[in-house]
Protein backbone atom coordinates (compact mmCIF):
# COMPACT_ATOMS: atom_id res chain seq x y z
CA MET A 1 -0.83 33.38 -11.66
CA SER A 2 -3.99 35.12 -8.90
CA ASP A 3 -2.89 36.28 -6.16
CA GLU A 4 -3.95 33.32 -3.93
CA ALA A 5 -2.16 31.22 -6.09
CA ASP A 6 1.36 33.30 -5.40
CA THR A 7 -0.10 32.50 -1.62
CA LEU A 8 -0.45 29.32 -1.59
CA GLU A 9 3.11 28.54 -3.43
CA MET A 10 4.88 30.42 -0.91
CA THR A 11 3.03 29.50 1.92
CA ASP A 12 3.86 25.96 0.74
CA ALA A 13 7.89 26.77 0.75
CA ARG A 14 8.27 28.82 3.60
CA TYR A 15 5.86 27.16 7.13
CA LEU A 16 5.35 23.79 4.92
CA MET A 17 7.52 20.91 5.99
CA HIS A 18 6.98 17.78 3.58
CA PRO A 19 6.85 13.41 4.06
CA PHE A 20 8.90 12.23 1.79
CA THR A 21 10.69 14.83 0.45
CA ASP A 22 14.24 16.59 0.34
CA ALA A 23 13.40 19.56 2.87
CA ARG A 24 16.55 22.10 2.74
CA ALA A 25 15.67 21.74 -2.09
CA ASN A 26 11.94 22.26 -1.43
CA LEU A 27 12.63 26.10 0.35
CA GLN A 28 14.02 27.05 -3.06
CA GLY A 29 10.63 26.74 -4.85
CA GLY A 30 8.18 25.15 -3.09
CA GLY A 31 5.94 22.01 -4.55
CA MET A 32 3.44 21.50 -6.45
CA VAL A 33 0.01 23.30 -5.45
CA ILE A 34 -3.22 20.68 -6.12
CA ASP A 35 -6.59 22.82 -5.66
CA ARG A 36 -9.19 20.50 -6.94
CA GLY A 37 -10.48 16.99 -8.07
CA GLU A 38 -12.49 15.28 -10.57
CA GLY A 39 -13.48 12.29 -10.97
CA VAL A 40 -9.63 10.83 -11.77
CA PHE A 41 -8.72 13.96 -12.87
CA VAL A 42 -6.63 16.67 -9.86
CA TYR A 43 -6.06 19.97 -11.39
CA ASP A 44 -3.24 22.07 -9.49
CA ASN A 45 -3.20 26.40 -8.47
CA THR A 46 -2.52 27.30 -12.14
CA GLY A 47 -5.50 25.27 -13.82
CA LYS A 48 -3.10 22.41 -14.93
CA LYS A 49 -5.12 18.74 -14.64
CA TYR A 50 -3.84 15.53 -14.56
CA LEU A 51 -4.96 12.26 -14.71
CA GLU A 52 -3.95 10.65 -11.24
CA ALA A 53 -2.07 7.46 -12.26
CA VAL A 54 -1.31 6.84 -8.46
CA ALA A 55 -4.90 7.30 -7.22
CA GLY A 56 -2.95 10.01 -4.36
CA LEU A 57 -1.02 7.39 -2.82
CA TRP A 58 -2.26 3.86 -4.03
CA SER A 59 -6.32 5.17 -2.36
CA VAL A 60 -8.74 7.67 -3.47
CA GLY A 61 -10.63 4.17 -5.34
CA LEU A 62 -13.79 6.00 -6.20
CA GLY A 63 -12.25 9.57 -7.35
CA PHE A 64 -11.49 12.76 -6.31
CA SER A 65 -15.71 14.22 -6.49
CA GLU A 66 -17.43 11.64 -5.78
CA ARG A 67 -20.54 12.82 -3.75
CA ARG A 68 -22.31 10.42 -2.06
CA LEU A 69 -18.86 10.44 0.07
CA ILE A 70 -19.47 14.05 0.49
CA ASP A 71 -22.88 13.53 1.51
CA ALA A 72 -22.17 11.03 3.79
CA ALA A 73 -20.04 12.89 6.05
CA VAL A 74 -22.37 15.32 5.80
CA ARG A 75 -25.02 13.47 7.63
CA GLN A 76 -22.95 11.85 10.04
CA MET A 77 -21.79 15.55 10.81
CA GLU A 78 -24.81 16.74 11.67
CA LYS A 79 -25.80 14.20 13.62
CA LEU A 80 -22.86 12.92 16.03
CA PRO A 81 -19.29 14.02 14.57
CA TYR A 82 -17.15 12.26 17.06
CA TYR A 83 -17.27 10.05 19.73
CA HIS A 84 -14.60 7.84 21.26
CA THR A 85 -14.39 3.85 21.25
CA PHE A 86 -13.14 3.66 24.70
CA THR A 87 -13.94 2.60 27.90
CA GLY A 88 -16.90 0.14 26.40
CA LYS A 89 -18.37 2.87 24.44
CA SER A 90 -19.31 2.65 20.52
CA HIS A 91 -22.06 4.04 17.83
CA ALA A 92 -23.57 2.75 15.15
CA PRO A 93 -21.18 3.96 11.97
CA GLN A 94 -18.44 1.83 14.57
CA ILE A 95 -20.56 -1.22 14.52
CA GLU A 96 -21.96 -1.34 11.43
CA LEU A 97 -18.59 -0.73 9.93
CA ALA A 98 -17.16 -3.68 12.39
CA ALA A 99 -20.23 -6.29 10.77
CA ARG A 100 -19.07 -5.46 7.68
CA LEU A 101 -15.54 -5.39 7.31
CA VAL A 102 -15.67 -9.63 9.46
CA GLU A 103 -18.39 -10.40 7.46
CA MET A 104 -17.08 -10.47 4.27
CA ALA A 105 -13.16 -10.93 5.18
CA PRO A 106 -12.06 -13.78 2.95
CA VAL A 107 -11.19 -15.67 6.18
CA PRO A 108 -13.34 -16.01 9.43
CA MET A 109 -12.20 -13.36 11.57
CA SER A 110 -13.82 -12.80 15.24
CA LYS A 111 -13.12 -8.65 15.68
CA ALA A 112 -12.29 -5.29 13.52
CA PHE A 113 -10.07 -2.94 15.90
CA PHE A 114 -10.52 1.07 14.15
CA THR A 115 -7.26 3.12 13.88
CA ASN A 116 -6.35 6.38 12.35
CA SER A 117 -4.05 4.94 9.47
CA GLY A 118 -2.13 2.03 7.55
CA SER A 119 0.87 3.12 10.00
CA GLU A 120 -1.23 2.62 13.64
CA ALA A 121 -3.46 -0.51 12.69
CA ASN A 122 0.33 -1.60 11.63
CA ASP A 123 2.50 -0.63 14.84
CA THR A 124 -1.64 -1.94 16.61
CA ALA A 125 -1.10 -5.02 15.28
CA ILE A 126 2.36 -5.58 16.48
CA LYS A 127 1.38 -4.75 19.86
CA MET A 128 -1.52 -6.88 20.03
CA ILE A 129 1.10 -9.58 18.87
CA TRP A 130 3.35 -8.99 21.61
CA TYR A 131 0.08 -8.78 24.47
CA ARG A 132 -0.93 -11.92 22.84
CA SER A 133 2.07 -13.45 23.72
CA ASN A 134 2.51 -12.95 27.32
CA ALA A 135 -1.15 -13.31 27.29
CA LEU A 136 0.45 -17.09 26.24
CA GLY A 137 3.28 -17.32 29.02
CA GLU A 138 4.94 -17.36 24.77
CA THR A 139 7.69 -14.29 27.06
CA LYS A 140 10.16 -14.83 24.32
CA ARG A 141 7.56 -14.77 21.51
CA LYS A 142 8.41 -11.51 20.00
CA LYS A 143 10.14 -11.18 17.32
CA ILE A 144 8.85 -10.58 13.83
CA ILE A 145 9.21 -11.03 9.80
CA SER A 146 8.61 -9.09 7.32
CA ARG A 147 10.52 -8.86 3.49
CA ARG A 148 13.44 -6.62 2.57
CA ARG A 149 11.76 -4.07 0.24
CA GLY A 150 8.28 -4.34 1.75
CA TYR A 151 6.43 -0.63 2.83
CA HIS A 152 4.13 -1.35 6.15
CA GLY A 153 4.38 2.46 7.37
CA ILE A 154 6.23 4.93 8.67
CA THR A 155 5.85 5.26 12.67
CA ILE A 156 8.18 3.46 14.65
CA ALA A 157 7.54 0.26 14.93
CA SER A 158 5.96 -0.64 11.90
CA ALA A 159 8.81 1.49 10.15
CA SER A 160 10.73 -0.95 11.39
CA LEU A 161 9.11 -3.66 9.62
CA THR A 162 9.28 -1.60 6.75
CA GLY A 163 12.35 -3.22 4.62
CA ILE A 164 13.34 0.01 2.93
CA PRO A 165 16.42 1.20 3.38
CA VAL A 166 16.03 5.64 3.29
CA ASP A 167 12.84 4.28 5.91
CA HIS A 168 15.24 3.58 8.20
CA GLN A 169 18.66 5.94 6.67
CA SER A 170 18.87 8.74 10.14
CA PHE A 171 16.69 7.94 12.27
CA ASP A 172 18.08 4.00 14.01
CA LEU A 173 15.74 1.96 13.11
CA PRO A 174 15.26 -1.10 12.47
CA LEU A 175 14.20 -1.93 15.65
CA PRO A 176 15.57 -4.65 17.50
CA GLY A 177 13.73 -7.60 16.79
CA PHE A 178 12.42 -6.75 12.95
CA LEU A 179 13.79 -8.92 10.69
CA HIS A 180 14.27 -9.25 6.90
CA VAL A 181 14.30 -11.72 4.37
CA THR A 182 14.53 -11.86 0.95
CA ALA A 183 11.72 -9.61 -1.70
CA PRO A 184 9.81 -12.57 -3.19
CA HIS A 185 10.92 -10.17 -6.32
CA TYR A 186 12.14 -12.98 -9.92
CA TYR A 187 13.09 -10.58 -12.17
CA ARG A 188 16.26 -9.16 -9.30
CA GLU A 189 16.49 -11.82 -7.14
CA GLY A 190 16.02 -15.17 -8.72
CA GLN A 191 19.81 -16.97 -9.86
CA GLU A 192 20.40 -17.77 -13.42
CA GLY A 193 18.75 -20.86 -14.88
CA GLU A 194 16.10 -21.20 -12.34
CA SER A 195 12.91 -20.57 -12.32
CA GLU A 196 10.08 -19.34 -10.10
CA GLU A 197 9.11 -22.37 -8.83
CA ALA A 198 12.28 -22.56 -7.21
CA PHE A 199 13.13 -19.64 -6.75
CA SER A 200 10.13 -19.32 -4.02
CA THR A 201 11.19 -23.39 -2.92
CA ARG A 202 14.54 -20.95 -2.11
CA LEU A 203 12.84 -18.66 -0.24
CA VAL A 204 10.67 -20.10 2.02
CA ASN A 205 14.00 -22.47 2.79
CA GLU A 206 14.95 -18.59 3.60
CA ILE A 207 12.71 -18.12 5.30
CA GLU A 208 12.69 -21.61 7.66
CA ALA A 209 16.10 -21.13 7.99
CA LEU A 210 16.02 -18.54 10.02
CA ILE A 211 12.95 -19.31 12.03
CA LEU A 212 15.22 -22.05 12.92
CA ALA A 213 18.58 -20.24 13.40
CA GLU A 214 16.65 -17.50 16.03
CA GLY A 215 14.39 -20.36 17.32
CA PRO A 216 10.62 -20.62 16.34
CA GLN A 217 9.84 -20.48 19.91
CA THR A 218 11.42 -15.99 19.74
CA ILE A 219 8.78 -16.12 16.24
CA ALA A 220 5.16 -14.44 17.12
CA ALA A 221 4.57 -12.85 13.43
CA PHE A 222 5.15 -13.04 9.68
CA PHE A 223 3.69 -9.81 7.97
CA ALA A 224 3.66 -8.85 4.23
CA GLU A 225 2.03 -7.65 1.63
CA PRO A 226 0.47 -9.38 -1.01
CA VAL A 227 1.71 -6.93 -3.46
CA MET A 228 4.53 -5.28 -2.60
CA GLY A 229 2.82 -1.79 -3.17
CA ALA A 230 6.39 1.11 -2.60
CA GLY A 231 8.80 -0.99 -2.62
CA GLY A 232 8.13 -1.55 -6.18
CA VAL A 233 4.92 -2.86 -7.10
CA ILE A 234 6.08 -7.46 -6.34
CA VAL A 235 3.51 -9.47 -7.71
CA PRO A 236 4.65 -12.43 -6.10
CA PRO A 237 5.82 -15.71 -7.78
CA GLN A 238 4.71 -18.80 -8.36
CA GLY A 239 3.93 -20.68 -5.68
CA TYR A 240 5.40 -18.32 -3.46
CA TRP A 241 2.56 -18.17 -1.07
CA GLU A 242 1.48 -21.85 -1.51
CA LYS A 243 4.87 -22.60 0.04
CA LEU A 244 4.89 -20.29 2.43
CA GLN A 245 1.93 -20.59 4.83
CA PRO A 246 2.64 -24.49 5.58
CA VAL A 247 6.19 -23.35 7.30
CA LEU A 248 4.41 -20.37 9.00
CA LYS A 249 1.17 -23.09 10.36
CA LYS A 250 4.04 -25.37 11.24
CA TYR A 251 5.91 -23.46 13.55
CA GLY A 252 2.88 -20.95 15.28
CA ILE A 253 3.41 -17.84 14.07
CA ILE A 254 1.06 -15.33 13.03
CA LEU A 255 0.55 -13.92 9.70
CA VAL A 256 -0.73 -10.88 8.49
CA ALA A 257 -2.14 -10.03 5.06
CA ASP A 258 -1.20 -6.02 4.89
CA GLU A 259 -3.94 -5.23 2.06
CA VAL A 260 -3.28 -1.43 2.32
CA ILE A 261 -2.83 -0.87 -0.72
CA CYS A 262 -4.43 -4.24 -1.87
CA GLY A 263 -7.74 -4.45 -0.58
CA PHE A 264 -10.84 -2.76 -1.86
CA GLY A 265 -10.56 -4.19 -5.32
CA ARG A 266 -7.26 -3.06 -6.22
CA THR A 267 -5.98 -6.20 -7.20
CA GLY A 268 -8.92 -7.24 -9.26
CA ARG A 269 -10.33 -8.98 -6.38
CA MET A 270 -11.99 -7.51 -2.76
CA PHE A 271 -8.84 -8.90 -1.35
CA GLY A 272 -5.45 -9.60 -2.31
CA SER A 273 -5.56 -12.18 -0.05
CA GLN A 274 -8.17 -13.81 -2.29
CA THR A 275 -6.12 -13.14 -5.37
CA PHE A 276 -3.10 -15.36 -4.00
CA ASP A 277 -4.66 -17.60 -2.15
CA ILE A 278 -3.86 -16.24 1.47
CA GLN A 279 -5.22 -17.15 5.04
CA PRO A 280 -3.97 -14.90 7.15
CA ASP A 281 -4.54 -14.40 11.44
CA MET A 282 -4.61 -10.66 10.91
CA MET A 283 -5.60 -8.30 8.02
CA ILE A 284 -4.47 -4.54 7.35
CA LEU A 285 -7.61 -2.47 5.69
CA SER A 286 -7.46 1.07 5.36
CA LYS A 287 -6.33 3.28 2.36
CA GLN A 288 -9.49 2.29 0.30
CA LEU A 289 -11.53 1.65 2.79
CA SER A 290 -13.04 5.23 3.04
CA SER A 291 -11.16 6.48 -0.36
CA SER A 292 -8.79 8.33 1.75
CA TYR A 293 -11.78 10.69 2.08
CA LEU A 294 -10.93 11.04 5.36
CA PRO A 295 -8.37 9.15 8.24
CA ILE A 296 -9.32 5.60 9.53
CA SER A 297 -8.09 2.37 9.16
CA ALA A 298 -8.65 -1.47 11.31
CA ILE A 299 -7.18 -4.16 11.94
CA LEU A 300 -9.25 -7.03 10.91
CA MET A 301 -8.22 -10.48 13.47
CA ASN A 302 -9.49 -14.09 14.32
CA ASP A 303 -10.37 -16.08 17.03
CA MET A 304 -6.44 -17.03 17.23
CA VAL A 305 -5.68 -13.64 17.72
CA PHE A 306 -8.15 -12.45 19.93
CA GLU A 307 -9.13 -15.06 22.40
CA PRO A 308 -5.95 -14.92 24.12
CA ILE A 309 -5.72 -10.55 23.86
CA ALA A 310 -9.29 -10.89 25.42
CA ASP A 311 -8.38 -13.26 28.41
CA GLU A 312 -5.34 -10.89 29.20
CA SER A 313 -7.15 -7.81 29.52
CA HIS A 314 -9.74 -9.28 31.30
CA ALA A 315 -6.61 -10.87 34.04
CA ILE A 316 -4.75 -7.18 34.40
CA GLY A 317 -8.24 -5.27 33.41
CA ALA A 318 -7.55 -3.50 30.66
CA PHE A 319 -6.26 -3.81 26.84
CA ALA A 320 -4.80 -0.44 27.48
CA HIS A 321 -4.01 0.44 23.63
CA GLY A 322 -6.04 3.30 21.33
CA PHE A 323 -6.35 6.24 19.60
CA THR A 324 -8.89 9.76 20.25
CA ASN A 325 -10.18 9.71 16.31
CA GLY A 326 -10.40 5.37 16.18
CA GLY A 327 -13.52 4.48 14.15
CA ASN A 328 -14.06 8.32 14.28
CA PRO A 329 -17.59 8.01 13.46
CA THR A 330 -17.85 10.49 10.65
CA ALA A 331 -14.50 8.45 9.15
CA ALA A 332 -16.69 5.12 9.27
CA ALA A 333 -19.80 6.66 7.79
CA VAL A 334 -17.60 7.20 4.82
CA ALA A 335 -16.22 3.45 4.64
CA ILE A 336 -19.78 2.43 5.09
CA GLU A 337 -20.81 4.28 2.04
CA VAL A 338 -17.67 3.38 -0.25
CA LEU A 339 -18.59 -0.18 0.68
CA ASN A 340 -22.53 0.39 -0.44
CA ILE A 341 -21.28 1.91 -3.68
CA MET A 342 -19.03 -0.75 -4.48
CA GLU A 343 -21.60 -3.67 -3.89
CA GLU A 344 -24.73 -1.09 -6.18
CA ARG A 345 -22.25 -0.16 -9.07
CA ASP A 346 -20.43 -3.68 -9.11
CA LEU A 347 -17.39 -1.84 -9.20
CA MET A 348 -15.33 -5.05 -9.03
CA ALA A 349 -16.94 -6.27 -11.72
CA HIS A 350 -15.90 -2.72 -13.54
CA VAL A 351 -12.36 -3.38 -12.09
CA SER A 352 -12.06 -6.91 -13.89
CA ASP A 353 -12.45 -5.82 -17.43
CA VAL A 354 -11.06 -2.30 -16.87
CA SER A 355 -7.27 -4.67 -15.94
CA VAL A 356 -7.83 -6.53 -19.26
CA HIS A 357 -6.90 -2.89 -21.51
CA PHE A 358 -4.84 -1.39 -18.22
CA GLN A 359 -2.24 -5.04 -17.71
CA ALA A 360 -2.30 -5.43 -22.08
CA ARG A 361 -1.32 -1.43 -22.56
CA LEU A 362 1.33 -2.02 -19.71
CA ARG A 363 2.53 -5.38 -20.93
CA ALA A 364 3.20 -3.75 -24.74
CA LEU A 365 5.34 -1.12 -23.24
CA GLY A 366 7.02 -3.94 -21.81
CA ALA A 367 7.76 -5.40 -25.09
CA SER A 368 7.91 -2.44 -27.62
CA SER A 369 10.58 0.01 -25.35
CA THR A 370 14.36 -0.24 -24.86
CA LEU A 371 13.89 1.24 -21.94
CA VAL A 372 11.27 -1.58 -20.40
CA GLY A 373 13.46 -4.16 -18.39
CA GLU A 374 10.37 -6.03 -17.24
CA ALA A 375 6.33 -4.14 -16.91
CA ARG A 376 4.73 -5.83 -13.92
CA GLY A 377 1.50 -6.26 -11.95
CA VAL A 378 -2.15 -7.18 -11.15
CA GLY A 379 -5.82 -6.07 -11.33
CA LEU A 380 -5.00 -2.63 -11.21
CA ILE A 381 -1.50 -1.82 -10.37
CA GLY A 382 1.29 -2.15 -12.23
CA ALA A 383 5.02 -1.00 -12.76
CA LEU A 384 7.51 -0.62 -15.31
CA GLU A 385 10.96 -1.26 -14.79
CA LEU A 386 13.36 1.10 -16.26
CA VAL A 387 17.25 -0.07 -16.96
CA THR A 388 19.18 0.94 -20.34
CA ASP A 389 20.30 -2.89 -21.13
CA LYS A 390 17.84 -4.95 -21.55
CA ALA A 391 20.37 -7.92 -21.06
CA THR A 392 21.58 -7.53 -18.01
CA ARG A 393 18.95 -6.08 -16.38
CA SER A 394 20.95 -2.86 -15.28
CA SER A 395 21.37 0.77 -15.61
CA SER A 396 24.73 2.38 -16.87
CA LEU A 397 22.60 5.79 -15.30
CA GLN A 398 22.38 6.34 -12.02
CA VAL A 399 20.36 4.58 -9.74
CA GLY A 400 16.55 6.04 -9.85
CA GLN A 401 17.82 8.44 -12.91
CA LEU A 402 15.52 7.09 -15.30
CA ALA A 403 12.33 6.75 -13.60
CA LYS A 404 12.88 10.31 -12.18
CA TYR A 405 13.10 11.77 -15.20
CA ALA A 406 9.77 9.53 -17.03
CA PHE A 407 7.90 10.93 -13.74
CA GLY A 408 9.12 14.25 -14.81
CA LEU A 409 8.33 14.25 -18.51
CA LEU A 410 4.97 12.34 -17.82
CA GLN A 411 3.95 14.97 -15.32
CA ASN A 412 4.40 17.33 -17.65
CA LYS A 413 1.98 16.09 -20.08
CA GLY A 414 -0.64 16.09 -17.64
CA VAL A 415 0.35 12.22 -15.91
CA ILE A 416 1.25 11.73 -12.77
CA ALA A 417 2.82 8.34 -11.53
CA ARG A 418 5.08 7.13 -9.25
CA ALA A 419 8.94 6.89 -9.37
CA MET A 420 10.81 4.19 -7.21
CA GLY A 421 14.23 3.98 -7.62
CA ASP A 422 14.71 2.59 -11.34
CA THR A 423 10.63 1.48 -10.97
CA LEU A 424 7.62 3.75 -12.21
CA ALA A 425 4.24 2.77 -10.45
CA PHE A 426 0.80 2.49 -11.60
CA SER A 427 -1.82 2.70 -9.41
CA PRO A 428 -5.11 4.92 -10.92
CA PRO A 429 -8.86 5.43 -9.62
CA LEU A 430 -11.03 1.93 -9.91
CA ILE A 431 -13.46 4.06 -12.25
CA ILE A 432 -10.84 4.37 -14.60
CA THR A 433 -12.18 3.96 -17.93
CA ARG A 434 -10.37 1.83 -20.64
CA GLU A 435 -10.56 5.46 -22.18
CA GLN A 436 -8.56 6.70 -19.76
CA VAL A 437 -6.55 4.14 -19.13
CA ASP A 438 -5.13 4.47 -23.01
CA MET A 439 -4.54 8.25 -21.69
CA ILE A 440 -2.23 6.90 -18.69
CA PHE A 441 -0.05 4.95 -20.80
CA ASP A 442 -0.50 6.98 -24.66
CA GLY A 443 1.53 9.55 -22.36
CA VAL A 444 3.91 6.36 -20.93
CA ALA A 445 5.32 5.74 -24.23
CA GLU A 446 5.84 9.35 -26.27
CA VAL A 447 7.97 9.79 -23.10
CA LEU A 448 9.59 6.69 -23.19
CA ALA A 449 10.52 7.46 -26.80
CA GLN A 450 11.52 10.83 -26.17
CA MET A 451 14.42 9.17 -23.34
CA GLU A 452 15.59 6.91 -25.86
CA ARG A 453 16.49 9.35 -28.74
CA GLU A 454 17.76 11.64 -26.38
CA ILE A 455 19.71 8.24 -24.21
CA GLY A 456 20.41 6.90 -28.22
CA SER A 457 22.03 10.55 -29.03
CA GLY A 458 23.68 11.32 -26.33
CA GLN A 459 21.49 13.96 -25.19
CA PHE A 460 20.18 13.20 -21.93
CA HIS A 461 20.48 14.44 -17.94
């Protein structure tokens, strides 16, 4: 290793505290230092090459070296690198991006409001919903329903939406007023002999029962990902959204589609809401909006949401919420260029083609490996849930041990996946080719075969 690499590794361990990392353990050896990226690949500071099969954090849709995004950022920085949007001010990139997002939304939307991350966007949506309830005189309508295993971010309010226990533990979360219902995971939550349709009916009945128990006049909104990402790539069962949406409308509950992972092509359509025929009142956008080259996120809202907020801001003098860099002109310029590239290169047609191969390879492993309990996914997102006993859908090992081990072996082979519990997840850049999909799943097949041999011989550790 070079002196520079040694210094970087030392700095990583000595000075940097990482998110979602065992901080004490990291002090012992430091983490991986990524040095550069090219297409779907990244390289560490030793020069080792990895196929990034999760697109960073489900987010680098156009890969790690798209020159047009870099040039768009440089052009905007030379003209107007920064300006805020407080007190009625704006700039051309934000106006253009807002117009394009509102016009391309799968259902009628009225306005876009810009923030910097999915967490900020969900926090903002919660505040908007509370503000709207007060504007309408519905001062008790403040409770929010989301799902166990859902992920909506990690700031205080959005982490309360999130339904993953480790994201609450030792943080004194969730806050009061955040209610969680069963994850729509048929493989794990379905009852013996229960069809997918019956499972969906039971879950929707559970939600309606909760609404009635809490009081419909107290429930403000339901937040959900079209496909649950960090909770394990949970694809909704048959009939789930079809049955759920009329219940929410019946009680006047706002439906918020968290499209942070699903948006901009991940599920095979531009938005996950299109893939599953969801008609949200608000949409949360981020990640692939800028291919994660710069931080930006957006909340889209329909008139039912916007008009009472506008009235209240007029009555009291301001909608007193915003962020210094919300709608940053350079980030907005990059997001506009992402949309241009997706349209000009017909990236959705490419995703439609390559995702067929991606899903076929994923499901073939589900059928062939004794360690795969379920293979699931849609478009260019998928997961393998690992077990040691397919019949009982269980593992004889400590929870998380299988996926963590598979993740490590795969990374050694030059493929970066994501381990969540005993689920191994994949969400590669949208520009991936069929040959590169084969590189991912050829590596996974080798890893699973090695693990089967080690478990069979009692050598697994």
